[in-house]
PDB file of N, CA and C in Angstrom:
ATOM      1  N   UNK A   1       2.265 -51.122  82.095  1.00  0.00           N
ATOM      2  CA  UNK A   1       3.454 -50.661  82.775  1.00  0.00           C
ATOM      3  C   UNK A   1       3.020 -49.856  84.005  1.00  0.00           C
ATOM      4  N   UNK A   2       3.605 -50.113  85.147  1.00  0.00           N
ATOM      5  CA  UNK A   2       3.239 -49.421  86.375  1.00  0.00           C
ATOM      6  C   UNK A   2       3.877 -48.037  86.410  1.00  0.00           C
ATOM      7  N   UNK A   3       3.318 -47.123  87.205  1.00  0.00           N
ATOM      8  CA  UNK A   3       3.905 -45.782  87.298  1.00  0.00           C
ATOM      9  C   UNK A   3       5.344 -45.783  87.803  1.00  0.00           C
ATOM     10  N   UNK A   4       5.683 -46.743  88.681  1.00  0.00           N
ATOM     11  CA  UNK A   4       7.047 -46.792  89.196  1.00  0.00           C
ATOM     12  C   UNK A   4       8.040 -47.147  88.095  1.00  0.00           C
ATOM     13  N   UNK A   5       7.626 -48.058  87.197  1.00  0.00           N
ATOM     14  CA  UNK A   5       8.503 -48.445  86.089  1.00  0.00           C
ATOM     15  C   UNK A   5       8.686 -47.270  85.142  1.00  0.00           C
ATOM     16  N   UNK A   6       7.596 -46.534  84.872  1.00  0.00           N
ATOM     17  CA  UNK A   6       7.692 -45.352  84.008  1.00  0.00           C
ATOM     18  C   UNK A   6       8.626 -44.327  84.630  1.00  0.00           C
ATOM     19  N   UNK A   7       8.517 -44.144  85.939  1.00  0.00           N
ATOM     20  CA  UNK A   7       9.381 -43.194  86.631  1.00  0.00           C
ATOM     21  C   UNK A   7      10.838 -43.605  86.509  1.00  0.00           C
ATOM     22  N   UNK A   8      11.102 -44.889  86.713  1.00  0.00           N
ATOM     23  CA  UNK A   8      12.482 -45.366  86.634  1.00  0.00           C
ATOM     24  C   UNK A   8      13.033 -45.173  85.231  1.00  0.00           C
ATOM     25  N   UNK A   9      12.221 -45.461  84.219  1.00  0.00           N
ATOM     26  CA  UNK A   9      12.684 -45.289  82.843  1.00  0.00           C
ATOM     27  C   UNK A   9      12.907 -43.817  82.522  1.00  0.00           C
ATOM     28  N   UNK A  10      12.024 -42.950  83.039  1.00  0.00           N
ATOM     29  CA  UNK A  10      12.196 -41.513  82.797  1.00  0.00           C
ATOM     30  C   UNK A  10      13.526 -41.050  83.362  1.00  0.00           C
ATOM     31  N   UNK A  11      13.827 -41.471  84.568  1.00  0.00           N
ATOM     32  CA  UNK A  11      15.074 -41.031  85.193  1.00  0.00           C
ATOM     33  C   UNK A  11      16.291 -41.594  84.475  1.00  0.00           C
ATOM     34  N   UNK A  12      16.287 -42.883  84.218  1.00  0.00           N
ATOM     35  CA  UNK A  12      17.481 -43.512  83.665  1.00  0.00           C
ATOM     36  C   UNK A  12      17.709 -43.165  82.205  1.00  0.00           C
ATOM     37  N   UNK A  13      16.661 -43.167  81.395  1.00  0.00           N
ATOM     38  CA  UNK A  13      16.837 -43.021  79.955  1.00  0.00           C
ATOM     39  C   UNK A  13      16.843 -41.568  79.495  1.00  0.00           C
ATOM     40  N   UNK A  14      15.957 -40.752  80.056  1.00  0.00           N
ATOM     41  CA  UNK A  14      15.816 -39.396  79.547  1.00  0.00           C
ATOM     42  C   UNK A  14      16.674 -38.385  80.306  1.00  0.00           C
ATOM     43  N   UNK A  15      16.774 -38.545  81.600  1.00  0.00           N
ATOM     44  CA  UNK A  15      17.490 -37.562  82.397  1.00  0.00           C
ATOM     45  C   UNK A  15      18.923 -37.971  82.702  1.00  0.00           C
ATOM     46  N   UNK A  16      19.252 -39.212  82.478  1.00  0.00           N
ATOM     47  CA  UNK A  16      20.590 -39.689  82.803  1.00  0.00           C
ATOM     48  C   UNK A  16      20.829 -39.711  84.299  1.00  0.00           C
ATOM     49  N   UNK A  17      19.785 -39.889  85.049  1.00  0.00           N
ATOM     50  CA  UNK A  17      19.850 -39.821  86.506  1.00  0.00           C
ATOM     51  C   UNK A  17      20.267 -41.181  87.055  1.00  0.00           C
ATOM     52  N   UNK A  18      21.288 -41.189  87.886  1.00  0.00           N
ATOM     53  CA  UNK A  18      21.680 -42.443  88.515  1.00  0.00           C
ATOM     54  C   UNK A  18      21.660 -42.308  90.032  1.00  0.00           C
ATOM     55  N   UNK A  19      20.875 -41.342  90.540  1.00  0.00           N
ATOM     56  CA  UNK A  19      20.815 -41.157  91.985  1.00  0.00           C
ATOM     57  C   UNK A  19      19.834 -42.149  92.591  1.00  0.00           C
ATOM     58  N   UNK A  20      19.935 -42.324  93.892  1.00  0.00           N
ATOM     59  CA  UNK A  20      19.042 -43.246  94.584  1.00  0.00           C
ATOM     60  C   UNK A  20      17.794 -42.538  95.093  1.00  0.00           C
ATOM     61  N   UNK A  21      17.695 -41.216  94.878  1.00  0.00           N
ATOM     62  CA  UNK A  21      16.523 -40.474  95.338  1.00  0.00           C
ATOM     63  C   UNK A  21      15.349 -40.739  94.400  1.00  0.00           C
ATOM     64  N   UNK A  22      14.118 -40.760  94.955  1.00  0.00           N
ATOM     65  CA  UNK A  22      12.954 -40.973  94.087  1.00  0.00           C
ATOM     66  C   UNK A  22      12.714 -39.758  93.195  1.00  0.00           C
ATOM     67  N   UNK A  23      12.030 -39.991  92.086  1.00  0.00           N
ATOM     68  CA  UNK A  23      11.728 -38.905  91.153  1.00  0.00           C
ATOM     69  C   UNK A  23      10.673 -37.979  91.738  1.00  0.00           C
ATOM     70  N   UNK A  24      10.431 -36.899  91.029  1.00  0.00           N
ATOM     71  CA  UNK A  24       9.437 -35.924  91.459  1.00  0.00           C
ATOM     72  C   UNK A  24       8.054 -36.567  91.497  1.00  0.00           C
ATOM     73  N   UNK A  25       7.161 -36.105  92.400  1.00  0.00           N
ATOM     74  CA  UNK A  25       5.831 -36.712  92.496  1.00  0.00           C
ATOM     75  C   UNK A  25       5.018 -36.587  91.215  1.00  0.00           C
ATOM     76  N   UNK A  26       5.203 -35.499  90.448  1.00  0.00           N
ATOM     77  CA  UNK A  26       4.398 -35.350  89.235  1.00  0.00           C
ATOM     78  C   UNK A  26       4.837 -36.326  88.157  1.00  0.00           C
ATOM     79  N   UNK A  27       6.064 -36.841  88.210  1.00  0.00           N
ATOM     80  CA  UNK A  27       6.468 -37.873  87.260  1.00  0.00           C
ATOM     81  C   UNK A  27       5.858 -39.219  87.639  1.00  0.00           C
ATOM     82  N   UNK A  28       5.728 -39.472  88.937  1.00  0.00           N
ATOM     83  CA  UNK A  28       5.161 -40.737  89.385  1.00  0.00           C
ATOM     84  C   UNK A  28       3.667 -40.814  89.106  1.00  0.00           C
ATOM     85  N   UNK A  29       2.936 -39.753  89.427  1.00  0.00           N
ATOM     86  CA  UNK A  29       1.483 -39.816  89.308  1.00  0.00           C
ATOM     87  C   UNK A  29       0.979 -39.304  87.978  1.00  0.00           C
ATOM     88  N   UNK A  30       1.772 -38.505  87.284  1.00  0.00           N
ATOM     89  CA  UNK A  30       1.320 -37.944  86.028  1.00  0.00           C
ATOM     90  C   UNK A  30       0.509 -36.681  86.213  1.00  0.00           C
ATOM     91  N   UNK A  31       0.364 -36.199  87.442  1.00  0.00           N
ATOM     92  CA  UNK A  31      -0.412 -34.987  87.694  1.00  0.00           C
ATOM     93  C   UNK A  31       0.464 -33.986  88.422  1.00  0.00           C
ATOM     94  N   UNK A  32       0.530 -32.778  87.900  1.00  0.00           N
ATOM     95  CA  UNK A  32       1.358 -31.758  88.535  1.00  0.00           C
ATOM     96  C   UNK A  32       0.621 -31.062  89.667  1.00  0.00           C
ATOM     97  N   UNK A  33      -0.717 -31.255  89.802  1.00  0.00           N
ATOM     98  CA  UNK A  33      -1.447 -30.587  90.866  1.00  0.00           C
ATOM     99  C   UNK A  33      -1.014 -31.097  92.232  1.00  0.00           C
ATOM    100  N   UNK A  34      -0.586 -32.351  92.312  1.00  0.00           N
ATOM    101  CA  UNK A  34      -0.184 -32.909  93.593  1.00  0.00           C
ATOM    102  C   UNK A  34       1.054 -32.219  94.143  1.00  0.00           C
ATOM    103  N   UNK A  35       1.889 -31.701  93.276  1.00  0.00           N
ATOM    104  CA  UNK A  35       3.126 -31.068  93.700  1.00  0.00           C
ATOM    105  C   UNK A  35       2.892 -29.656  94.208  1.00  0.00           C
ATOM    106  N   UNK A  36       1.871 -28.973  93.712  1.00  0.00           N
ATOM    107  CA  UNK A  36       1.707 -27.552  93.981  1.00  0.00           C
ATOM    108  C   UNK A  36       0.580 -27.242  94.945  1.00  0.00           C
ATOM    109  N   UNK A  37       0.416 -28.013  95.980  1.00  0.00           N
ATOM    110  CA  UNK A  37      -0.574 -27.704  97.003  1.00  0.00           C
ATOM    111  C   UNK A  37       0.131 -26.958  98.125  1.00  0.00           C
ATOM    112  N   UNK A  38      -0.280 -25.716  98.346  1.00  0.00           N
ATOM    113  CA  UNK A  38       0.364 -24.905  99.376  1.00  0.00           C
ATOM    114  C   UNK A  38      -0.440 -24.968 100.664  1.00  0.00           C
ATOM    115  N   UNK A  39       0.268 -24.965 101.793  1.00  0.00           N
ATOM    116  CA  UNK A  39      -0.357 -24.953 103.101  1.00  0.00           C
ATOM    117  C   UNK A  39       0.225 -23.806 103.904  1.00  0.00           C
ATOM    118  N   UNK A  40      -0.617 -23.208 104.750  1.00  0.00           N
ATOM    119  CA  UNK A  40      -0.115 -22.176 105.649  1.00  0.00           C
ATOM    120  C   UNK A  40       0.374 -22.830 106.938  1.00  0.00           C
ATOM    121  N   UNK A  41       0.737 -22.017 107.928  1.00  0.00           N
ATOM    122  CA  UNK A  41       1.284 -22.554 109.176  1.00  0.00           C
ATOM    123  C   UNK A  41       0.269 -23.390 109.947  1.00  0.00           C
ATOM    124  N   UNK A  42      -1.023 -23.118 109.755  1.00  0.00           N
ATOM    125  CA  UNK A  42      -2.062 -23.879 110.447  1.00  0.00           C
ATOM    126  C   UNK A  42      -2.374 -25.195 109.746  1.00  0.00           C
ATOM    127  N   UNK A  43      -1.776 -25.455 108.594  1.00  0.00           N
ATOM    128  CA  UNK A  43      -2.008 -26.690 107.870  1.00  0.00           C
ATOM    129  C   UNK A  43      -3.171 -26.630 106.903  1.00  0.00           C
ATOM    130  N   UNK A  44      -3.777 -25.432 106.721  1.00  0.00           N
ATOM    131  CA  UNK A  44      -4.892 -25.280 105.789  1.00  0.00           C
ATOM    132  C   UNK A  44      -4.349 -25.066 104.385  1.00  0.00           C
ATOM    133  N   UNK A  45      -5.034 -25.623 103.390  1.00  0.00           N
ATOM    134  CA  UNK A  45      -4.613 -25.444 102.008  1.00  0.00           C
ATOM    135  C   UNK A  45      -4.990 -24.048 101.537  1.00  0.00           C
ATOM    136  N   UNK A  46      -4.059 -23.382 100.893  1.00  0.00           N
ATOM    137  CA  UNK A  46      -4.299 -22.045 100.349  1.00  0.00           C
ATOM    138  C   UNK A  46      -3.936 -22.056  98.873  1.00  0.00           C
ATOM    139  N   UNK A  47      -4.517 -21.143  98.122  1.00  0.00           N
ATOM    140  CA  UNK A  47      -4.253 -21.069  96.691  1.00  0.00           C
ATOM    141  C   UNK A  47      -2.943 -20.345  96.430  1.00  0.00           C
ATOM    142  N   UNK A  48      -2.320 -20.672  95.303  1.00  0.00           N
ATOM    143  CA  UNK A  48      -1.098 -19.983  94.909  1.00  0.00           C
ATOM    144  C   UNK A  48      -1.384 -18.546  94.513  1.00  0.00           C
ATOM    145  N   UNK A  49      -2.477 -18.316  93.797  1.00  0.00           N
ATOM    146  CA  UNK A  49      -2.781 -16.999  93.274  1.00  0.00           C
ATOM    147  C   UNK A  49      -4.291 -16.867  93.161  1.00  0.00           C
ATOM    148  N   UNK A  50      -4.830 -15.825  93.712  1.00  0.00           N
ATOM    149  CA  UNK A  50      -6.254 -15.552  93.600  1.00  0.00           C
ATOM    150  C   UNK A  50      -6.402 -14.289  92.769  1.00  0.00           C
ATOM    151  N   UNK A  51      -6.894 -14.399  91.546  1.00  0.00           N
ATOM    152  CA  UNK A  51      -6.992 -13.217  90.688  1.00  0.00           C
ATOM    153  C   UNK A  51      -8.114 -12.290  91.136  1.00  0.00           C
ATOM    154  N   UNK A  52      -7.951 -11.002  90.817  1.00  0.00           N
ATOM    155  CA  UNK A  52      -9.004 -10.034  91.099  1.00  0.00           C
ATOM    156  C   UNK A  52     -10.065 -10.126  90.009  1.00  0.00           C
ATOM    157  N   UNK A  53     -11.272  -9.712  90.344  1.00  0.00           N
ATOM    158  CA  UNK A  53     -12.348  -9.649  89.364  1.00  0.00           C
ATOM    159  C   UNK A  53     -12.827  -8.213  89.280  1.00  0.00           C
ATOM    160  N   UNK A  54     -13.201  -7.822  88.082  1.00  0.00           N
ATOM    161  CA  UNK A  54     -13.719  -6.484  87.853  1.00  0.00           C
ATOM    162  C   UNK A  54     -15.057  -6.355  88.581  1.00  0.00           C
ATOM    163  N   UNK A  55     -15.221  -5.289  89.342  1.00  0.00           N
ATOM    164  CA  UNK A  55     -16.461  -5.084  90.082  1.00  0.00           C
ATOM    165  C   UNK A  55     -17.617  -4.748  89.160  1.00  0.00           C
ATOM    166  N   UNK A  56     -17.343  -4.147  88.015  1.00  0.00           N
ATOM    167  CA  UNK A  56     -18.397  -3.728  87.097  1.00  0.00           C
ATOM    168  C   UNK A  56     -18.833  -4.849  86.165  1.00  0.00           C
ATOM    169  N   UNK A  57     -17.902  -5.636  85.651  1.00  0.00           N
ATOM    170  CA  UNK A  57     -18.244  -6.630  84.630  1.00  0.00           C
ATOM    171  C   UNK A  57     -18.010  -8.076  85.065  1.00  0.00           C
ATOM    172  N   UNK A  58     -17.436  -8.300  86.220  1.00  0.00           N
ATOM    173  CA  UNK A  58     -17.092  -9.636  86.735  1.00  0.00           C
ATOM    174  C   UNK A  58     -16.071 -10.361  85.873  1.00  0.00           C
ATOM    175  N   UNK A  59     -15.325  -9.653  85.058  1.00  0.00           N
ATOM    176  CA  UNK A  59     -14.238 -10.271  84.298  1.00  0.00           C
ATOM    177  C   UNK A  59     -13.039 -10.454  85.220  1.00  0.00           C
ATOM    178  N   UNK A  60     -12.261 -11.487  84.958  1.00  0.00           N
ATOM    179  CA  UNK A  60     -11.032 -11.688  85.718  1.00  0.00           C
ATOM    180  C   UNK A  60      -9.994 -10.690  85.221  1.00  0.00           C
ATOM    181  N   UNK A  61      -9.355 -10.006  86.151  1.00  0.00           N
ATOM    182  CA  UNK A  61      -8.314  -9.043  85.803  1.00  0.00           C
ATOM    183  C   UNK A  61      -6.998  -9.798  85.773  1.00  0.00           C
ATOM    184  N   UNK A  62      -6.426  -9.926  84.603  1.00  0.00           N
ATOM    185  CA  UNK A  62      -5.187 -10.672  84.436  1.00  0.00           C
ATOM    186  C   UNK A  62      -3.978  -9.909  84.939  1.00  0.00           C
ATOM    187  N   UNK A  63      -2.877 -10.610  85.055  1.00  0.00           N
ATOM    188  CA  UNK A  63      -1.647 -10.002  85.553  1.00  0.00           C
ATOM    189  C   UNK A  63      -1.092  -8.972  84.583  1.00  0.00           C
ATOM    190  N   UNK A  64      -1.371  -9.115  83.301  1.00  0.00           N
ATOM    191  CA  UNK A  64      -0.847  -8.194  82.289  1.00  0.00           C
ATOM    192  C   UNK A  64      -1.801  -7.051  81.970  1.00  0.00           C
ATOM    193  N   UNK A  65      -2.900  -6.931  82.692  1.00  0.00           N
ATOM    194  CA  UNK A  65      -3.841  -5.829  82.473  1.00  0.00           C
ATOM    195  C   UNK A  65      -3.346  -4.621  83.263  1.00  0.00           C
ATOM    196  N   UNK A  66      -2.445  -3.867  82.658  1.00  0.00           N
ATOM    197  CA  UNK A  66      -1.836  -2.732  83.347  1.00  0.00           C
ATOM    198  C   UNK A  66      -2.736  -1.508  83.357  1.00  0.00           C
ATOM    199  N   UNK A  67      -3.858  -1.548  82.656  1.00  0.00           N
ATOM    200  CA  UNK A  67      -4.792  -0.427  82.654  1.00  0.00           C
ATOM    201  C   UNK A  67      -5.832  -0.556  83.762  1.00  0.00           C
ATOM    202  N   UNK A  68      -5.841  -1.668  84.477  1.00  0.00           N
ATOM    203  CA  UNK A  68      -6.832  -1.867  85.529  1.00  0.00           C
ATOM    204  C   UNK A  68      -6.482  -1.025  86.751  1.00  0.00           C
ATOM    205  N   UNK A  69      -7.513  -0.689  87.520  1.00  0.00           N
ATOM    206  CA  UNK A  69      -7.322   0.114  88.733  1.00  0.00           C
ATOM    207  C   UNK A  69      -8.072  -0.540  89.885  1.00  0.00           C
ATOM    208  N   UNK A  70      -7.668  -0.179  91.080  1.00  0.00           N
ATOM    209  CA  UNK A  70      -8.370  -0.598  92.284  1.00  0.00           C
ATOM    210  C   UNK A  70      -8.515   0.635  93.159  1.00  0.00           C
ATOM    211  N   UNK A  71      -9.747   0.924  93.579  1.00  0.00           N
ATOM    212  CA  UNK A  71     -10.032   2.140  94.340  1.00  0.00           C
ATOM    213  C   UNK A  71     -10.659   1.747  95.668  1.00  0.00           C
ATOM    214  N   UNK A  72     -10.173   2.335  96.744  1.00  0.00           N
ATOM    215  CA  UNK A  72     -10.778   2.190  98.062  1.00  0.00           C
ATOM    216  C   UNK A  72     -11.545   3.470  98.356  1.00  0.00           C
ATOM    217  N   UNK A  73     -12.847   3.346  98.614  1.00  0.00           N
ATOM    218  CA  UNK A  73     -13.677   4.498  98.963  1.00  0.00           C
ATOM    219  C   UNK A  73     -13.978   4.396 100.448  1.00  0.00           C
ATOM    220  N   UNK A  74     -13.607   5.437 101.185  1.00  0.00           N
ATOM    221  CA  UNK A  74     -13.740   5.431 102.637  1.00  0.00           C
ATOM    222  C   UNK A  74     -15.201   5.560 103.044  1.00  0.00           C
ATOM    223  N   UNK A  75     -15.576   4.863 104.104  1.00  0.00           N
ATOM    224  CA  UNK A  75     -16.892   5.024 104.704  1.00  0.00           C
ATOM    225  C   UNK A  75     -16.750   6.011 105.853  1.00  0.00           C
ATOM    226  N   UNK A  76     -17.707   6.910 105.953  1.00  0.00           N
ATOM    227  CA  UNK A  76     -17.641   7.952 106.980  1.00  0.00           C
ATOM    228  C   UNK A  76     -18.834   7.827 107.915  1.00  0.00           C
ATOM    229  N   UNK A  77     -18.650   8.350 109.115  1.00  0.00           N
ATOM    230  CA  UNK A  77     -19.728   8.379 110.098  1.00  0.00           C
ATOM    231  C   UNK A  77     -20.768   9.400 109.638  1.00  0.00           C
ATOM    232  N   UNK A  78     -22.049   9.033 109.700  1.00  0.00           N
ATOM    233  CA  UNK A  78     -23.103   9.926 109.207  1.00  0.00           C
ATOM    234  C   UNK A  78     -23.265  11.160 110.080  1.00  0.00           C
ATOM    235  N   UNK A  79     -22.943  11.060 111.358  1.00  0.00           N
ATOM    236  CA  UNK A  79     -23.123  12.193 112.266  1.00  0.00           C
ATOM    237  C   UNK A  79     -21.931  13.136 112.197  1.00  0.00           C
ATOM    238  N   UNK A  80     -20.734  12.602 112.376  1.00  0.00           N
ATOM    239  CA  UNK A  80     -19.544  13.459 112.446  1.00  0.00           C
ATOM    240  C   UNK A  80     -18.902  13.696 111.090  1.00  0.00           C
ATOM    241  N   UNK A  81     -19.125  12.820 110.143  1.00  0.00           N
ATOM    242  CA  UNK A  81     -18.499  12.963 108.834  1.00  0.00           C
ATOM    243  C   UNK A  81     -17.035  12.564 108.824  1.00  0.00           C
ATOM    244  N   UNK A  82     -16.609  11.802 109.823  1.00  0.00           N
ATOM    245  CA  UNK A  82     -15.210  11.380 109.916  1.00  0.00           C
ATOM    246  C   UNK A  82     -15.063   9.932 109.464  1.00  0.00           C
ATOM    247  N   UNK A  83     -13.862   9.609 109.022  1.00  0.00           N
ATOM    248  CA  UNK A  83     -13.528   8.260 108.567  1.00  0.00           C
ATOM    249  C   UNK A  83     -13.626   7.293 109.737  1.00  0.00           C
ATOM    250  N   UNK A  84     -14.353   6.180 109.545  1.00  0.00           N
ATOM    251  CA  UNK A  84     -14.551   5.231 110.645  1.00  0.00           C
ATOM    252  C   UNK A  84     -13.673   3.985 110.538  1.00  0.00           C
ATOM    253  N   UNK A  85     -12.708   3.976 109.618  1.00  0.00           N
ATOM    254  CA  UNK A  85     -11.794   2.845 109.504  1.00  0.00           C
ATOM    255  C   UNK A  85     -12.231   1.789 108.504  1.00  0.00           C
ATOM    256  N   UNK A  86     -13.405   1.921 107.934  1.00  0.00           N
ATOM    257  CA  UNK A  86     -13.916   0.967 106.951  1.00  0.00           C
ATOM    258  C   UNK A  86     -13.847   1.588 105.561  1.00  0.00           C
ATOM    259  N   UNK A  87     -13.751   0.732 104.553  1.00  0.00           N
ATOM    260  CA  UNK A  87     -13.784   1.226 103.178  1.00  0.00           C
ATOM    261  C   UNK A  87     -14.312   0.132 102.265  1.00  0.00           C
ATOM    262  N   UNK A  88     -14.794   0.555 101.119  1.00  0.00           N
ATOM    263  CA  UNK A  88     -15.252  -0.353 100.067  1.00  0.00           C
ATOM    264  C   UNK A  88     -14.197  -0.365  98.980  1.00  0.00           C
ATOM    265  N   UNK A  89     -13.884  -1.542  98.468  1.00  0.00           N
ATOM    266  CA  UNK A  89     -12.865  -1.682  97.434  1.00  0.00           C
ATOM    267  C   UNK A  89     -13.540  -2.044  96.120  1.00  0.00           C
ATOM    268  N   UNK A  90     -13.201  -1.299  95.085  1.00  0.00           N
ATOM    269  CA  UNK A  90     -13.706  -1.565  93.743  1.00  0.00           C
ATOM    270  C   UNK A  90     -12.520  -1.756  92.815  1.00  0.00           C
ATOM    271  N   UNK A  91     -12.594  -2.776  91.978  1.00  0.00           N
ATOM    272  CA  UNK A  91     -11.571  -3.021  90.957  1.00  0.00           C
ATOM    273  C   UNK A  91     -12.236  -2.868  89.595  1.00  0.00           C
ATOM    274  N   UNK A  92     -11.621  -2.080  88.727  1.00  0.00           N
ATOM    275  CA  UNK A  92     -12.147  -1.837  87.381  1.00  0.00           C
ATOM    276  C   UNK A  92     -11.104  -2.324  86.382  1.00  0.00           C
ATOM    277  N   UNK A  93     -11.531  -3.166  85.444  1.00  0.00           N
ATOM    278  CA  UNK A  93     -10.598  -3.722  84.463  1.00  0.00           C
ATOM    279  C   UNK A  93     -10.294  -2.698  83.373  1.00  0.00           C
ATOM    280  N   UNK A  94      -9.250  -2.957  82.632  1.00  0.00           N
ATOM    281  CA  UNK A  94      -8.816  -2.047  81.586  1.00  0.00           C
ATOM    282  C   UNK A  94      -9.807  -1.922  80.447  1.00  0.00           C
ATOM    283  N   UNK A  95     -10.581  -2.972  80.183  1.00  0.00           N
ATOM    284  CA  UNK A  95     -11.556  -2.920  79.090  1.00  0.00           C
ATOM    285  C   UNK A  95     -12.662  -1.911  79.389  1.00  0.00           C
ATOM    286  N   UNK A  96     -13.126  -1.860  80.623  1.00  0.00           N
ATOM    287  CA  UNK A  96     -14.155  -0.888  81.011  1.00  0.00           C
ATOM    288  C   UNK A  96     -13.586   0.524  80.927  1.00  0.00           C
ATOM    289  N   UNK A  97     -12.357   0.696  81.346  1.00  0.00           N
ATOM    290  CA  UNK A  97     -11.728   2.018  81.273  1.00  0.00           C
ATOM    291  C   UNK A  97     -11.514   2.443  79.831  1.00  0.00           C
ATOM    292  N   UNK A  98     -11.146   1.503  78.964  1.00  0.00           N
ATOM    293  CA  UNK A  98     -10.919   1.814  77.553  1.00  0.00           C
ATOM    294  C   UNK A  98     -12.200   2.276  76.866  1.00  0.00           C
ATOM    295  N   UNK A  99     -13.340   1.720  77.303  1.00  0.00           N
ATOM    296  CA  UNK A  99     -14.623   2.114  76.723  1.00  0.00           C
ATOM    297  C   UNK A  99     -15.120   3.443  77.282  1.00  0.00           C
ATOM    298  N   UNK A 100     -14.461   3.954  78.326  1.00  0.00           N
ATOM    299  CA  UNK A 100     -14.894   5.204  78.938  1.00  0.00           C
ATOM    300  C   UNK A 100     -16.071   5.034  79.875  1.00  0.00           C
ATOM    301  N   UNK A 101     -16.249   3.847  80.414  1.00  0.00           N
ATOM    302  CA  UNK A 101     -17.390   3.553  81.275  1.00  0.00           C
ATOM    303  C   UNK A 101     -17.010   3.426  82.746  1.00  0.00           C
ATOM    304  N   UNK A 102     -15.787   3.762  83.105  1.00  0.00           N
ATOM    305  CA  UNK A 102     -15.337   3.558  84.484  1.00  0.00           C
ATOM    306  C   UNK A 102     -16.079   4.473  85.450  1.00  0.00           C
ATOM    307  N   UNK A 103     -16.274   5.743  85.083  1.00  0.00           N
ATOM    308  CA  UNK A 103     -16.947   6.672  85.988  1.00  0.00           C
ATOM    309  C   UNK A 103     -18.402   6.278  86.205  1.00  0.00           C
ATOM    310  N   UNK A 104     -19.080   5.878  85.149  1.00  0.00           N
ATOM    311  CA  UNK A 104     -20.468   5.444  85.268  1.00  0.00           C
ATOM    312  C   UNK A 104     -20.564   4.159  86.084  1.00  0.00           C
ATOM    313  N   UNK A 105     -19.627   3.245  85.900  1.00  0.00           N
ATOM    314  CA  UNK A 105     -19.636   1.985  86.650  1.00  0.00           C
ATOM    315  C   UNK A 105     -19.382   2.223  88.132  1.00  0.00           C
ATOM    316  N   UNK A 106     -18.438   3.102  88.443  1.00  0.00           N
ATOM    317  CA  UNK A 106     -18.164   3.404  89.851  1.00  0.00           C
ATOM    318  C   UNK A 106     -19.365   4.070  90.515  1.00  0.00           C
ATOM    319  N   UNK A 107     -20.025   4.971  89.798  1.00  0.00           N
ATOM    320  CA  UNK A 107     -21.208   5.621  90.351  1.00  0.00           C
ATOM    321  C   UNK A 107     -22.327   4.607  90.585  1.00  0.00           C
ATOM    322  N   UNK A 108     -22.540   3.690  89.652  1.00  0.00           N
ATOM    323  CA  UNK A 108     -23.559   2.653  89.810  1.00  0.00           C
ATOM    324  C   UNK A 108     -23.243   1.749  91.000  1.00  0.00           C
ATOM    325  N   UNK A 109     -21.975   1.354  91.150  1.00  0.00           N
ATOM    326  CA  UNK A 109     -21.583   0.500  92.277  1.00  0.00           C
ATOM    327  C   UNK A 109     -21.734   1.230  93.605  1.00  0.00           C
ATOM    328  N   UNK A 110     -21.379   2.518  93.631  1.00  0.00           N
ATOM    329  CA  UNK A 110     -21.505   3.299  94.864  1.00  0.00           C
ATOM    330  C   UNK A 110     -22.971   3.493  95.239  1.00  0.00           C
ATOM    331  N   UNK A 111     -23.841   3.656  94.256  1.00  0.00           N
ATOM    332  CA  UNK A 111     -25.276   3.764  94.547  1.00  0.00           C
ATOM    333  C   UNK A 111     -25.812   2.452  95.101  1.00  0.00           C
ATOM    334  N   UNK A 112     -25.378   1.327  94.550  1.00  0.00           N
ATOM    335  CA  UNK A 112     -25.837   0.022  95.045  1.00  0.00           C
ATOM    336  C   UNK A 112     -25.384  -0.234  96.472  1.00  0.00           C
ATOM    337  N   UNK A 113     -24.216   0.282  96.848  1.00  0.00           N
ATOM    338  CA  UNK A 113     -23.698   0.097  98.208  1.00  0.00           C
ATOM    339  C   UNK A 113     -24.095   1.239  99.129  1.00  0.00           C
ATOM    340  N   UNK A 114     -24.975   2.115  98.684  1.00  0.00           N
ATOM    341  CA  UNK A 114     -25.481   3.288  99.417  1.00  0.00           C
ATOM    342  C   UNK A 114     -24.363   4.193  99.925  1.00  0.00           C
ATOM    343  N   UNK A 115     -23.292   4.301  99.177  1.00  0.00           N
ATOM    344  CA  UNK A 115     -22.247   5.278  99.489  1.00  0.00           C
ATOM    345  C   UNK A 115     -22.674   6.637  98.957  1.00  0.00           C
ATOM    346  N   UNK A 116     -23.310   6.622  97.797  1.00  0.00           N
ATOM    347  CA  UNK A 116     -23.835   7.829  97.171  1.00  0.00           C
ATOM    348  C   UNK A 116     -25.354   7.715  97.204  1.00  0.00           C
ATOM    349  N   UNK A 117     -26.032   8.848  97.389  1.00  0.00           N
ATOM    350  CA  UNK A 117     -27.494   8.805  97.436  1.00  0.00           C
ATOM    351  C   UNK A 117     -28.064   8.365  96.090  1.00  0.00           C
ATOM    352  N   UNK A 118     -29.242   7.779  96.129  1.00  0.00           N
ATOM    353  CA  UNK A 118     -29.862   7.222  94.923  1.00  0.00           C
ATOM    354  C   UNK A 118     -30.226   8.304  93.906  1.00  0.00           C
ATOM    355  N   UNK A 119     -30.462   9.536  94.347  1.00  0.00           N
ATOM    356  CA  UNK A 119     -30.866  10.592  93.428  1.00  0.00           C
ATOM    357  C   UNK A 119     -29.684  11.442  92.950  1.00  0.00           C
ATOM    358  N   UNK A 120     -28.473  10.991  93.162  1.00  0.00           N
ATOM    359  CA  UNK A 120     -27.282  11.743  92.741  1.00  0.00           C
ATOM    360  C   UNK A 120     -27.150  11.714  91.247  1.00  0.00           C
TER     361      UNK A 120
END
């Protein structure tokens, strides 16, 4: 059976559809990914959702992880000590915070990025 015949049967038998418009693309091809490709104004494909990752453990931070935090640490000029407009962003998941390791993880990440001196 061809995909067009399956589409026609889906519309007529299951949905009671008697319109002359074609069915949805995911019914024709059997794949829903074809329907959900987003493009920006320049015509480039963009993702629907890009999840954050924990900076300490590389775990994906889910939408329901309400214990997760994101911290921006400002970079300062070494001579004047003033904010230069740049910052480092760290995301910590709720599991790391629940274990009580968030402060140690942030300190380790800041040392790796030379925000804090190595002997701190």
